Amino acid sequence: MDTAILVRSGQALVKHLDNTNMKPRAAMWVHNTDNDIWRLWIVVHPKVDEREFFRVVAETITKNRDEL
């Protein structure tokens, strides 16, 4: 996996989420070396509804697919 692409896409997603009502408090890439899988962990306020967060993330990705 090209980590440069992961980093750029992750930064772009977090930047776009900053412009929503689901502003991330923190974000980081986590690498599982056992199966070589990367995951972007995004932390939001604990009172944020999980389903609403995933809806906003999906909507953000859809709107910015070319950049992400």
C-alpha atoms as a PDB file:
ATOM      1  CA  MET A   1       0.000   0.000   0.000  1.00  0.00           C
ATOM      2  CA  ASP A   2       1.300   3.444  -0.914  1.00  0.00           C
ATOM      3  CA  THR A   3       1.404   5.207   2.438  1.00  0.00           C
ATOM      4  CA  ALA A   4       1.784   8.621   0.792  1.00  0.00           C
ATOM      5  CA  ILE A   5      -1.644   8.194  -0.800  1.00  0.00           C
ATOM      6  CA  LEU A   6      -3.085   7.089   2.546  1.00  0.00           C
ATOM      7  CA  VAL A   7      -1.681  10.137   4.296  1.00  0.00           C
ATOM      8  CA  ARG A   8      -2.890  12.593   1.635  1.00  0.00           C
ATOM      9  CA  SER A   9      -6.365  11.063   1.501  1.00  0.00           C
ATOM     10  CA  GLY A  10      -6.634  10.927   5.292  1.00  0.00           C
ATOM     11  CA  GLN A  11      -5.564  14.556   5.620  1.00  0.00           C
ATOM     12  CA  ALA A  12      -8.083  15.590   2.974  1.00  0.00           C
ATOM     13  CA  LEU A  13     -10.902  13.681   4.676  1.00  0.00           C
ATOM     14  CA  VAL A  14     -10.126  15.213   8.068  1.00  0.00           C
ATOM     15  CA  LYS A  15      -9.890  18.676   6.471  1.00  0.00           C
ATOM     16  CA  HIS A  16     -13.330  18.244   4.906  1.00  0.00           C
ATOM     17  CA  LEU A  17     -14.784  16.882   8.151  1.00  0.00           C
ATOM     18  CA  ASP A  18     -13.504  20.042   9.879  1.00  0.00           C
ATOM     19  CA  ASN A  19     -16.074  21.900   7.765  1.00  0.00           C
ATOM     20  CA  THR A  20     -18.978  19.808   9.071  1.00  0.00           C
ATOM     21  CA  ASN A  21     -20.728  19.528  12.423  1.00  0.00           C
ATOM     22  CA  MET A  22     -18.594  16.409  13.089  1.00  0.00           C
ATOM     23  CA  LYS A  23     -15.234  18.113  13.591  1.00  0.00           C
ATOM     24  CA  PRO A  24     -12.628  15.518  14.565  1.00  0.00           C
ATOM     25  CA  ARG A  25     -10.852  15.945  17.878  1.00  0.00           C
ATOM     26  CA  ALA A  26      -7.998  13.716  16.693  1.00  0.00           C
ATOM     27  CA  ALA A  27      -7.084  11.414  13.824  1.00  0.00           C
ATOM     28  CA  MET A  28      -4.321   8.897  13.255  1.00  0.00           C
ATOM     29  CA  TRP A  29      -3.392   6.028  10.998  1.00  0.00           C
ATOM     30  CA  VAL A  30      -3.077   2.627  12.694  1.00  0.00           C
ATOM     31  CA  HIS A  31      -1.191  -0.189  10.990  1.00  0.00           C
ATOM     32  CA  ASN A  32      -1.836  -3.837  11.822  1.00  0.00           C
ATOM     33  CA  THR A  33       1.420  -5.526  10.877  1.00  0.00           C
ATOM     34  CA  ASP A  34      -0.059  -9.023  11.209  1.00  0.00           C
ATOM     35  CA  ASN A  35      -2.224  -8.567   8.126  1.00  0.00           C
ATOM     36  CA  ASP A  36      -0.769  -5.311   6.702  1.00  0.00           C
ATOM     37  CA  ILE A  37      -4.048  -3.411   7.044  1.00  0.00           C
ATOM     38  CA  TRP A  38      -4.149   0.341   7.624  1.00  0.00           C
ATOM     39  CA  ARG A  39      -7.077   2.031   9.380  1.00  0.00           C
ATOM     40  CA  LEU A  40      -7.784   5.712   9.860  1.00  0.00           C
ATOM     41  CA  TRP A  41      -9.007   6.298  13.398  1.00  0.00           C
ATOM     42  CA  ILE A  42     -11.018   9.482  13.851  1.00  0.00           C
ATOM     43  CA  VAL A  43     -11.990  10.697  17.311  1.00  0.00           C
ATOM     44  CA  VAL A  44     -15.035  12.913  17.788  1.00  0.00           C
ATOM     45  CA  HIS A  45     -16.808  14.220  20.854  1.00  0.00           C
ATOM     46  CA  PRO A  46     -18.223  11.344  22.961  1.00  0.00           C
ATOM     47  CA  LYS A  47     -21.775  12.717  22.669  1.00  0.00           C
ATOM     48  CA  VAL A  48     -21.769  12.476  18.870  1.00  0.00           C
ATOM     49  CA  ASP A  49     -24.263   9.926  17.565  1.00  0.00           C
ATOM     50  CA  GLU A  50     -22.293   7.139  15.875  1.00  0.00           C
ATOM     51  CA  ARG A  51     -24.775   6.622  13.037  1.00  0.00           C
ATOM     52  CA  GLU A  52     -24.887  10.346  12.321  1.00  0.00           C
ATOM     53  CA  PHE A  53     -21.083  10.455  12.270  1.00  0.00           C
ATOM     54  CA  PHE A  54     -20.874   7.624   9.729  1.00  0.00           C
ATOM     55  CA  ARG A  55     -23.565   9.309   7.617  1.00  0.00           C
ATOM     56  CA  VAL A  56     -21.565  12.553   7.547  1.00  0.00           C
ATOM     57  CA  VAL A  57     -18.336  10.686   6.725  1.00  0.00           C
ATOM     58  CA  ALA A  58     -20.020   8.810   3.858  1.00  0.00           C
ATOM     59  CA  GLU A  59     -21.554  12.031   2.556  1.00  0.00           C
ATOM     60  CA  THR A  60     -18.190  13.823   2.776  1.00  0.00           C
ATOM     61  CA  ILE A  61     -16.420  11.030   0.900  1.00  0.00           C
ATOM     62  CA  THR A  62     -19.112  11.002  -1.792  1.00  0.00           C
ATOM     63  CA  LYS A  63     -18.927  14.782  -2.293  1.00  0.00           C
ATOM     64  CA  ASN A  64     -15.128  14.769  -2.470  1.00  0.00           C
ATOM     65  CA  ARG A  65     -14.454  11.450  -4.190  1.00  0.00           C
ATOM     66  CA  ASP A  66     -12.024  12.958  -6.733  1.00  0.00           C
ATOM     67  CA  GLU A  67      -9.800  14.372  -4.006  1.00  0.00           C
ATOM     68  CA  LEU A  68     -10.029  11.375  -1.706  1.00  0.00           C
END
